[in-house]
């Protein structure tokens, strides 16, 4: 289960990196806002996925 969790975390990090690239190259404010929104959504998912990992490290 830990391997799956780490895979999901790495996937989310890659998605965020890709959206950050798209944000940097966006040509309109509408695109930039959409990419910011997706980055925020993916960051929330990433934070939730990391919570069990952080709890396990604390114990």
PDB file of N, CA and C in Angstrom:
ATOM      1  N   UNK A   1       0.826  -1.199   0.000  1.00  0.00           N
ATOM      2  CA  UNK A   1       0.000   0.000   0.000  1.00  0.00           C
ATOM      3  C   UNK A   1       0.867   1.259   0.000  1.00  0.00           C
ATOM      4  N   UNK A   2       2.003   1.193   0.674  1.00  0.00           N
ATOM      5  CA  UNK A   2       2.894   2.349   0.721  1.00  0.00           C
ATOM      6  C   UNK A   2       3.438   2.660  -0.674  1.00  0.00           C
ATOM      7  N   UNK A   3       3.763   1.617  -1.452  1.00  0.00           N
ATOM      8  CA  UNK A   3       4.259   1.839  -2.813  1.00  0.00           C
ATOM      9  C   UNK A   3       3.212   2.533  -3.668  1.00  0.00           C
ATOM     10  N   UNK A   4       1.966   2.134  -3.526  1.00  0.00           N
ATOM     11  CA  UNK A   4       0.883   2.771  -4.271  1.00  0.00           C
ATOM     12  C   UNK A   4       0.761   4.236  -3.865  1.00  0.00           C
ATOM     13  N   UNK A   5       0.825   4.495  -2.569  1.00  0.00           N
ATOM     14  CA  UNK A   5       0.733   5.865  -2.068  1.00  0.00           C
ATOM     15  C   UNK A   5       1.859   6.727  -2.638  1.00  0.00           C
ATOM     16  N   UNK A   6       3.079   6.199  -2.639  1.00  0.00           N
ATOM     17  CA  UNK A   6       4.219   6.952  -3.177  1.00  0.00           C
ATOM     18  C   UNK A   6       4.058   7.194  -4.677  1.00  0.00           C
ATOM     19  N   UNK A   7       3.527   6.212  -5.397  1.00  0.00           N
ATOM     20  CA  UNK A   7       3.283   6.372  -6.835  1.00  0.00           C
ATOM     21  C   UNK A   7       2.273   7.483  -7.082  1.00  0.00           C
ATOM     22  N   UNK A   8       1.201   7.514  -6.297  1.00  0.00           N
ATOM     23  CA  UNK A   8       0.195   8.567  -6.441  1.00  0.00           C
ATOM     24  C   UNK A   8       0.767   9.939  -6.113  1.00  0.00           C
ATOM     25  N   UNK A   9       1.609  10.006  -5.096  1.00  0.00           N
ATOM     26  CA  UNK A   9       2.241  11.276  -4.725  1.00  0.00           C
ATOM     27  C   UNK A   9       3.146  11.764  -5.852  1.00  0.00           C
ATOM     28  N   UNK A  10       3.977  10.882  -6.383  1.00  0.00           N
ATOM     29  CA  UNK A  10       4.859  11.285  -7.501  1.00  0.00           C
ATOM     30  C   UNK A  10       4.048  11.709  -8.719  1.00  0.00           C
ATOM     31  N   UNK A  11       2.944  11.007  -8.974  1.00  0.00           N
ATOM     32  CA  UNK A  11       2.083  11.379 -10.095  1.00  0.00           C
ATOM     33  C   UNK A  11       1.505  12.768  -9.922  1.00  0.00           C
ATOM     34  N   UNK A  12       1.035  13.064  -8.719  1.00  0.00           N
ATOM     35  CA  UNK A  12       0.486  14.396  -8.448  1.00  0.00           C
ATOM     36  C   UNK A  12       1.546  15.474  -8.607  1.00  0.00           C
ATOM     37  N   UNK A  13       2.757  15.191  -8.145  1.00  0.00           N
ATOM     38  CA  UNK A  13       3.846  16.161  -8.294  1.00  0.00           C
ATOM     39  C   UNK A  13       4.150  16.415  -9.770  1.00  0.00           C
ATOM     40  N   UNK A  14       4.125  15.379 -10.576  1.00  0.00           N
ATOM     41  CA  UNK A  14       4.380  15.543 -12.008  1.00  0.00           C
ATOM     42  C   UNK A  14       3.265  16.347 -12.673  1.00  0.00           C
ATOM     43  N   UNK A  15       2.026  16.088 -12.262  1.00  0.00           N
ATOM     44  CA  UNK A  15       0.892  16.832 -12.821  1.00  0.00           C
ATOM     45  C   UNK A  15       1.023  18.310 -12.474  1.00  0.00           C
ATOM     46  N   UNK A  16       1.366  18.605 -11.234  1.00  0.00           N
ATOM     47  CA  UNK A  16       1.545  19.997 -10.814  1.00  0.00           C
ATOM     48  C   UNK A  16       2.662  20.653 -11.621  1.00  0.00           C
ATOM     49  N   UNK A  17       3.779  19.946 -11.810  1.00  0.00           N
ATOM     50  CA  UNK A  17       4.876  20.494 -12.608  1.00  0.00           C
ATOM     51  C   UNK A  17       4.414  20.819 -14.025  1.00  0.00           C
ATOM     52  N   UNK A  18       3.634  19.919 -14.609  1.00  0.00           N
ATOM     53  CA  UNK A  18       3.158  20.139 -15.980  1.00  0.00           C
ATOM     54  C   UNK A  18       2.233  21.349 -16.052  1.00  0.00           C
ATOM     55  N   UNK A  19       1.324  21.468 -15.092  1.00  0.00           N
ATOM     56  CA  UNK A  19       0.428  22.621 -15.075  1.00  0.00           C
ATOM     57  C   UNK A  19       1.186  23.926 -14.819  1.00  0.00           C
ATOM     58  N   UNK A  20       2.246  23.875 -14.036  1.00  0.00           N
ATOM     59  CA  UNK A  20       3.057  25.074 -13.826  1.00  0.00           C
ATOM     60  C   UNK A  20       3.732  25.498 -15.128  1.00  0.00           C
ATOM     61  N   UNK A  21       4.191  24.529 -15.905  1.00  0.00           N
ATOM     62  CA  UNK A  21       4.768  24.848 -17.213  1.00  0.00           C
ATOM     63  C   UNK A  21       3.704  25.475 -18.118  1.00  0.00           C
ATOM     64  N   UNK A  22       2.524  24.847 -18.140  1.00  0.00           N
ATOM     65  CA  UNK A  22       1.449  25.385 -18.972  1.00  0.00           C
ATOM     66  C   UNK A  22       1.045  26.780 -18.517  1.00  0.00           C
ATOM     67  N   UNK A  23       1.037  27.007 -17.208  1.00  0.00           N
ATOM     68  CA  UNK A  23       0.722  28.330 -16.678  1.00  0.00           C
ATOM     69  C   UNK A  23       1.739  29.363 -17.160  1.00  0.00           C
ATOM     70  N   UNK A  24       3.004  28.991 -17.147  1.00  0.00           N
ATOM     71  CA  UNK A  24       4.064  29.910 -17.575  1.00  0.00           C
ATOM     72  C   UNK A  24       3.987  30.235 -19.062  1.00  0.00           C
ATOM     73  N   UNK A  25       3.426  29.335 -19.840  1.00  0.00           N
ATOM     74  CA  UNK A  25       3.366  29.544 -21.292  1.00  0.00           C
ATOM     75  C   UNK A  25       1.969  29.926 -21.786  1.00  0.00           C
ATOM     76  N   UNK A  26       1.031  30.126 -20.871  1.00  0.00           N
ATOM     77  CA  UNK A  26      -0.338  30.458 -21.255  1.00  0.00           C
ATOM     78  C   UNK A  26      -0.384  31.788 -21.992  1.00  0.00           C
ATOM     79  N   UNK A  27      -1.292  31.884 -22.946  1.00  0.00           N
ATOM     80  CA  UNK A  27      -1.381  33.090 -23.763  1.00  0.00           C
ATOM     81  C   UNK A  27      -2.529  34.007 -23.374  1.00  0.00           C
ATOM     82  N   UNK A  28      -3.428  33.526 -22.522  1.00  0.00           N
ATOM     83  CA  UNK A  28      -4.547  34.376 -22.115  1.00  0.00           C
ATOM     84  C   UNK A  28      -4.773  34.261 -20.612  1.00  0.00           C
ATOM     85  N   UNK A  29      -5.435  35.248 -20.077  1.00  0.00           N
ATOM     86  CA  UNK A  29      -5.745  35.231 -18.643  1.00  0.00           C
ATOM     87  C   UNK A  29      -6.702  34.086 -18.310  1.00  0.00           C
ATOM     88  N   UNK A  30      -7.575  33.769 -19.218  1.00  0.00           N
ATOM     89  CA  UNK A  30      -8.518  32.658 -19.005  1.00  0.00           C
ATOM     90  C   UNK A  30      -7.759  31.336 -18.833  1.00  0.00           C
ATOM     91  N   UNK A  31      -6.769  31.104 -19.692  1.00  0.00           N
ATOM     92  CA  UNK A  31      -5.945  29.898 -19.568  1.00  0.00           C
ATOM     93  C   UNK A  31      -5.181  29.896 -18.249  1.00  0.00           C
ATOM     94  N   UNK A  32      -4.583  31.030 -17.921  1.00  0.00           N
ATOM     95  CA  UNK A  32      -3.809  31.117 -16.677  1.00  0.00           C
ATOM     96  C   UNK A  32      -4.681  30.814 -15.463  1.00  0.00           C
ATOM     97  N   UNK A  33      -5.881  31.324 -15.431  1.00  0.00           N
ATOM     98  CA  UNK A  33      -6.783  31.076 -14.311  1.00  0.00           C
ATOM     99  C   UNK A  33      -7.169  29.598 -14.236  1.00  0.00           C
ATOM    100  N   UNK A  34      -7.415  29.003 -15.380  1.00  0.00           N
ATOM    101  CA  UNK A  34      -7.751  27.577 -15.410  1.00  0.00           C
ATOM    102  C   UNK A  34      -6.604  26.727 -14.890  1.00  0.00           C
ATOM    103  N   UNK A  35      -5.389  27.057 -15.297  1.00  0.00           N
ATOM    104  CA  UNK A  35      -4.221  26.302 -14.841  1.00  0.00           C
ATOM    105  C   UNK A  35      -3.966  26.524 -13.351  1.00  0.00           C
ATOM    106  N   UNK A  36      -4.158  27.742 -12.869  1.00  0.00           N
ATOM    107  CA  UNK A  36      -4.012  28.003 -11.431  1.00  0.00           C
ATOM    108  C   UNK A  36      -5.009  27.168 -10.621  1.00  0.00           C
ATOM    109  N   UNK A  37      -6.232  27.112 -11.132  1.00  0.00           N
ATOM    110  CA  UNK A  37      -7.276  26.341 -10.453  1.00  0.00           C
ATOM    111  C   UNK A  37      -6.907  24.857 -10.404  1.00  0.00           C
ATOM    112  N   UNK A  38      -6.431  24.314 -11.516  1.00  0.00           N
ATOM    113  CA  UNK A  38      -6.041  22.901 -11.552  1.00  0.00           C
ATOM    114  C   UNK A  38      -4.843  22.633 -10.641  1.00  0.00           C
ATOM    115  N   UNK A  39      -3.895  23.558 -10.582  1.00  0.00           N
ATOM    116  CA  UNK A  39      -2.754  23.411  -9.680  1.00  0.00           C
ATOM    117  C   UNK A  39      -3.245  23.363  -8.231  1.00  0.00           C
ATOM    118  N   UNK A  40      -4.149  24.266  -7.884  1.00  0.00           N
ATOM    119  CA  UNK A  40      -4.685  24.294  -6.518  1.00  0.00           C
ATOM    120  C   UNK A  40      -5.426  23.006  -6.184  1.00  0.00           C
ATOM    121  N   UNK A  41      -6.234  22.509  -7.116  1.00  0.00           N
ATOM    122  CA  UNK A  41      -6.969  21.265  -6.891  1.00  0.00           C
ATOM    123  C   UNK A  41      -6.011  20.092  -6.701  1.00  0.00           C
ATOM    124  N   UNK A  42      -5.014  20.023  -7.549  1.00  0.00           N
ATOM    125  CA  UNK A  42      -4.058  18.916  -7.462  1.00  0.00           C
ATOM    126  C   UNK A  42      -3.215  19.033  -6.189  1.00  0.00           C
ATOM    127  N   UNK A  43      -2.914  20.262  -5.770  1.00  0.00           N
ATOM    128  CA  UNK A  43      -2.152  20.456  -4.537  1.00  0.00           C
ATOM    129  C   UNK A  43      -2.950  19.968  -3.329  1.00  0.00           C
ATOM    130  N   UNK A  44      -4.260  20.211  -3.328  1.00  0.00           N
ATOM    131  CA  UNK A  44      -5.105  19.709  -2.240  1.00  0.00           C
ATOM    132  C   UNK A  44      -5.077  18.184  -2.197  1.00  0.00           C
ATOM    133  N   UNK A  45      -5.182  17.553  -3.361  1.00  0.00           N
ATOM    134  CA  UNK A  45      -5.099  16.091  -3.416  1.00  0.00           C
ATOM    135  C   UNK A  45      -3.746  15.599  -2.918  1.00  0.00           C
ATOM    136  N   UNK A  46      -2.705  16.268  -3.338  1.00  0.00           N
ATOM    137  CA  UNK A  46      -1.352  15.891  -2.919  1.00  0.00           C
ATOM    138  C   UNK A  46      -1.197  16.015  -1.399  1.00  0.00           C
ATOM    139  N   UNK A  47      -1.711  17.085  -0.833  1.00  0.00           N
ATOM    140  CA  UNK A  47      -1.638  17.272   0.621  1.00  0.00           C
ATOM    141  C   UNK A  47      -2.377  16.153   1.349  1.00  0.00           C
ATOM    142  N   UNK A  48      -3.543  15.766   0.838  1.00  0.00           N
ATOM    143  CA  UNK A  48      -4.302  14.669   1.454  1.00  0.00           C
ATOM    144  C   UNK A  48      -3.541  13.355   1.351  1.00  0.00           C
ATOM    145  N   UNK A  49      -2.899  13.133   0.226  1.00  0.00           N
ATOM    146  CA  UNK A  49      -2.141  11.892   0.039  1.00  0.00           C
ATOM    147  C   UNK A  49      -0.914  11.842   0.947  1.00  0.00           C
ATOM    148  N   UNK A  50      -0.347  12.986   1.246  1.00  0.00           N
ATOM    149  CA  UNK A  50       0.849  13.031   2.088  1.00  0.00           C
ATOM    150  C   UNK A  50       0.530  12.919   3.570  1.00  0.00           C
ATOM    151  N   UNK A  51      -0.672  13.213   3.992  1.00  0.00           N
ATOM    152  CA  UNK A  51      -1.017  13.163   5.408  1.00  0.00           C
ATOM    153  C   UNK A  51      -0.727  11.804   6.038  1.00  0.00           C
ATOM    154  N   UNK A  52      -1.171  10.681   5.461  1.00  0.00           N
ATOM    155  CA  UNK A  52      -0.839   9.388   6.069  1.00  0.00           C
ATOM    156  C   UNK A  52       0.671   9.150   6.130  1.00  0.00           C
ATOM    157  N   UNK A  53       1.382   9.630   5.125  1.00  0.00           N
ATOM    158  CA  UNK A  53       2.836   9.475   5.085  1.00  0.00           C
ATOM    159  C   UNK A  53       3.479  10.241   6.243  1.00  0.00           C
ATOM    160  N   UNK A  54       3.011  11.442   6.496  1.00  0.00           N
ATOM    161  CA  UNK A  54       3.560  12.259   7.574  1.00  0.00           C
ATOM    162  C   UNK A  54       3.215  11.663   8.929  1.00  0.00           C
ATOM    163  N   UNK A  55       2.015  11.096   9.077  1.00  0.00           N
ATOM    164  CA  UNK A  55       1.621  10.462  10.329  1.00  0.00           C
ATOM    165  C   UNK A  55       2.494   9.248  10.616  1.00  0.00           C
ATOM    166  N   UNK A  56       2.799   8.471   9.583  1.00  0.00           N
ATOM    167  CA  UNK A  56       3.630   7.273   9.750  1.00  0.00           C
ATOM    168  C   UNK A  56       5.049   7.663  10.161  1.00  0.00           C
ATOM    169  N   UNK A  57       5.553   8.756   9.642  1.00  0.00           N
ATOM    170  CA  UNK A  57       6.900   9.198   9.993  1.00  0.00           C
ATOM    171  C   UNK A  57       6.974   9.674  11.435  1.00  0.00           C
ATOM    172  N   UNK A  58       5.876  10.255  11.929  1.00  0.00           N
ATOM    173  CA  UNK A  58       5.848  10.779  13.284  1.00  0.00           C
ATOM    174  C   UNK A  58       5.872   9.656  14.325  1.00  0.00           C
ATOM    175  N   UNK A  59       5.388   8.483  13.962  1.00  0.00           N
ATOM    176  CA  UNK A  59       5.343   7.359  14.916  1.00  0.00           C
ATOM    177  C   UNK A  59       6.554   6.500  14.864  1.00  0.00           C
TER     178      UNK A  59
END
